[in-house]
Structure formats: C-alpha cells, structure tokens
Protein backbone atom coordinates (compact mmCIF):
# COMPACT_ATOMS: atom_id res chain seq x y z
CA MET A 1 21.18 18.88 3.51
CA GLU A 2 22.66 17.68 0.25
CA GLN A 3 20.57 16.12 -2.48
CA GLU A 4 22.25 12.71 -2.08
CA THR A 5 21.62 12.68 1.67
CA ARG A 6 17.95 13.61 1.22
CA LYS A 7 17.57 10.91 -1.43
CA ALA A 8 19.21 8.28 0.82
CA LEU A 9 16.92 9.21 3.73
CA ASN A 10 13.87 9.08 1.51
CA ASP A 11 14.91 5.68 0.13
CA LEU A 12 15.31 4.37 3.69
CA ALA A 13 11.90 5.72 4.70
CA ARG A 14 10.30 4.13 1.63
CA HIS A 15 11.95 0.80 2.40
CA ARG A 16 10.68 0.90 5.99
CA MET A 17 7.15 1.75 4.81
CA ILE A 18 7.19 -1.11 2.30
CA CYS A 19 8.29 -3.50 5.06
CA ARG A 20 5.40 -2.34 7.25
CA LEU A 21 2.90 -2.67 4.41
CA LEU A 22 4.13 -6.17 3.58
CA ALA A 23 3.87 -7.19 7.22
CA ASP A 24 0.26 -5.94 7.32
CA ILE A 25 -0.54 -7.76 4.09
CA ARG A 26 0.97 -11.00 5.44
CA ILE A 27 -1.24 -10.74 8.51
CA ASP A 28 -4.30 -10.09 6.35
CA LEU A 29 -3.44 -13.15 4.25
CA GLU A 30 -3.15 -15.27 7.39
CA ILE A 31 -6.58 -14.03 8.48
CA CYS A 32 -7.96 -14.91 5.05
CA GLU A 33 -6.55 -18.40 5.42
CA LEU A 34 -7.95 -18.84 8.94
CA GLU A 35 -11.38 -17.57 7.93
CA GLY A 36 -11.46 -19.50 4.65
CA TRP A 37 -11.64 -16.32 2.58
CA ASP A 38 -10.25 -16.02 -0.95
CA LYS A 39 -6.67 -14.77 -0.66
CA MET A 40 -6.39 -14.14 -4.42
CA GLU A 41 -9.40 -11.85 -4.33
CA TYR A 42 -7.68 -9.81 -1.61
CA ILE A 43 -4.41 -9.69 -3.57
CA GLN A 44 -6.20 -8.68 -6.77
CA THR A 45 -8.00 -5.90 -4.90
CA LEU A 46 -4.67 -4.60 -3.61
CA GLN A 47 -3.15 -4.77 -7.09
CA LYS A 48 -6.10 -2.87 -8.55
CA GLU A 49 -5.86 -0.15 -5.91
CA ILE A 50 -2.11 0.21 -6.31
CA GLY A 51 -2.36 0.17 -10.10
CA GLY A 52 -4.94 2.95 -9.99
CA MET A 53 -2.78 5.26 -7.89
CA GLY A 54 -1.24 6.85 -10.97
CA ASN A 55 -4.60 8.29 -11.90
CA ALA A 56 -4.70 11.79 -10.38
CA ASP A 57 -8.51 11.97 -10.56
CA ARG A 58 -8.82 8.74 -8.61
CA ILE A 59 -6.43 9.96 -5.91
CA THR A 60 -8.40 13.17 -5.54
CA GLU A 61 -11.65 11.21 -5.45
CA ARG A 62 -10.29 8.84 -2.77
CA SER A 63 -8.94 11.73 -0.67
CA ALA A 64 -12.26 13.56 -0.83
CA GLY A 65 -14.13 10.45 0.32
CA ALA A 66 -11.67 9.59 3.08
CA GLY A 67 -13.32 11.83 5.65
CA SER A 68 -16.86 10.67 4.92
C-alpha cells in the first residue's frame, strides 16, 4: 500500500475516533447537566488528561495502572 493511501486511511480512522469521543463527551455533559454536576470541572479534567499525554512517563504510568 502506498504511503499516501496509508495516510488517508489513518486520517479517516482518526476522524472516526474523534467523532466517537466527542459523542461520548456530549453524553457525559448531558449527564452532568441532568445530575447538576459541574460540567466545567469535567471538561478541565479531560483537558488536563489530554494535555498530559505528551509526557512519556505519564503514559507508561497510566498503562501500568490500567490493569490494577
């Protein structure tokens, strides 16, 4: 498979994953609203987690704790 084709398929897969994640986040925000929970706290938590993904030590630490 050519490089361009692989890149296009990967871009499509990423787009689909982002759509799924956003749909899940929207549902979580609706639940926050229904339950009277702080939506901004939830969003800030997501931002913190996403922002920390570039830290290789943190990823390793998270992966190690995932099975616990």
